[in-house]
Protein backbone atom coordinates (compact mmCIF):
# COMPACT_ATOMS: atom_id res chain seq x y z
CA MET A 1 63.13 109.00 -15.01
CA PRO A 2 66.46 107.04 -15.18
CA SER A 3 68.35 109.35 -14.36
CA GLU A 4 66.49 110.91 -11.56
CA LEU A 5 67.13 107.30 -10.07
CA ILE A 6 70.83 106.98 -11.18
CA ASP A 7 71.99 109.94 -9.66
CA ARG A 8 69.50 109.37 -6.74
CA PHE A 9 70.98 105.82 -6.31
CA ARG A 10 75.06 107.31 -6.68
CA GLN A 11 74.25 110.35 -4.28
CA LEU A 12 72.86 107.67 -1.41
CA SER A 13 75.40 105.44 -2.38
CA SER A 14 78.23 108.59 -1.35
CA GLU A 15 75.89 109.54 1.97
CA MET A 16 76.27 105.74 3.06
CA SER A 17 80.57 105.64 2.81
CA SER A 18 80.04 108.65 4.19
CA ALA A 19 78.37 107.28 7.02
CA ILE A 20 80.26 104.03 7.66
CA GLU A 21 82.87 105.97 7.56
CA ALA A 22 81.60 108.21 10.55
CA ASP A 23 80.54 104.99 11.83
CA ASP A 24 76.95 106.05 12.17
CA SER A 25 74.83 103.15 12.54
CA GLU A 26 71.33 105.06 12.88
CA ALA A 27 72.02 107.06 9.76
CA VAL A 28 73.60 103.51 7.72
CA THR A 29 70.29 101.89 8.67
CA ALA A 30 68.03 104.90 7.14
CA LEU A 31 70.44 105.24 3.89
CA ASP A 32 70.11 100.76 3.27
CA SER A 33 66.81 101.22 3.32
CA GLU A 34 66.58 104.01 1.01
CA LEU A 35 69.21 101.99 -1.44
CA SER A 36 67.50 99.24 -0.98
CA GLU A 37 64.23 100.67 -2.65
CA THR A 38 66.30 103.06 -4.97
CA TRP A 39 68.08 99.52 -6.91
CA ASN A 40 64.69 97.72 -7.11
CA GLN A 41 63.23 101.09 -9.20
CA LEU A 42 66.12 100.99 -11.15
CA LEU A 43 65.94 96.98 -11.67
CA GLY A 44 62.30 97.03 -12.62
CA ILE A 45 62.36 100.31 -14.91
CA GLU A 46 61.87 100.33 -18.48
CA ALA A 47 64.02 102.69 -20.80
CA GLY A 48 61.53 104.94 -22.69
CA ASP A 49 63.28 105.44 -25.23
CA THR A 50 67.96 104.32 -26.37
CA GLY A 51 69.07 107.17 -25.08
CA GLU A 52 67.81 106.01 -21.60
CA LEU A 53 68.49 102.70 -22.41
CA ARG A 54 72.23 103.96 -22.66
CA SER A 55 72.00 105.34 -19.80
CA LEU A 56 70.79 102.26 -17.64
CA VAL A 57 72.81 100.03 -19.49
CA GLY A 58 75.67 102.09 -18.58
CA PHE A 59 74.76 102.19 -15.34
CA PHE A 60 73.86 98.71 -14.57
CA LEU A 61 77.69 98.32 -16.24
CA ASP A 62 79.67 100.42 -13.89
CA MET A 63 77.89 98.60 -11.31
CA LEU A 64 79.75 95.25 -12.74
CA VAL A 65 82.67 97.09 -14.17
CA PRO A 66 84.58 99.16 -12.01
CA ASP A 67 86.94 102.58 -12.73
CA ASP A 68 89.96 101.04 -11.65
CA SER A 69 89.24 97.50 -13.87
CA SER A 70 91.55 95.93 -16.66
CA ALA A 71 91.52 97.40 -19.84
CA PRO A 72 89.56 94.14 -21.58
CA GLN A 73 87.07 94.75 -18.93
CA SER A 74 87.42 98.49 -19.72
CA GLU A 75 87.10 97.71 -23.66
CA ALA A 76 83.94 95.37 -23.71
CA ARG A 77 82.11 98.22 -21.16
CA ALA A 78 83.02 100.71 -24.23
CA ARG A 79 81.68 98.57 -27.04
CA ILE A 80 78.61 97.38 -25.24
CA LEU A 81 77.58 101.19 -25.11
CA GLU A 82 78.56 101.69 -28.27
CA LEU A 83 77.08 98.72 -29.73
CA ILE A 84 73.66 100.37 -28.02
CA ASP A 85 74.50 103.83 -30.13
CA ALA A 86 75.09 102.02 -33.43
CA GLY A 87 71.61 100.60 -33.35
CA ARG A 88 69.93 104.06 -32.28
CA PRO A 89 67.60 105.40 -35.16
């Protein structure tokens, strides 16, 4: 379930960027509502297993640490995910 919501959020974000570039205020308004709903679902979801936990943590880290971030931030993100992987049963 988390992966479906994460994919949905990323798709909506991409559509939002396109709507903003096209200056389509109607689409922006509609997408904003969908993004907000999906974000709230992501915030409230419980991980069913370690794989889902890793997906959720990775997603939220991506929100905080963009791809173009500095080496220490990228290294910290990778280390957090390694620690989660090490805790797998």
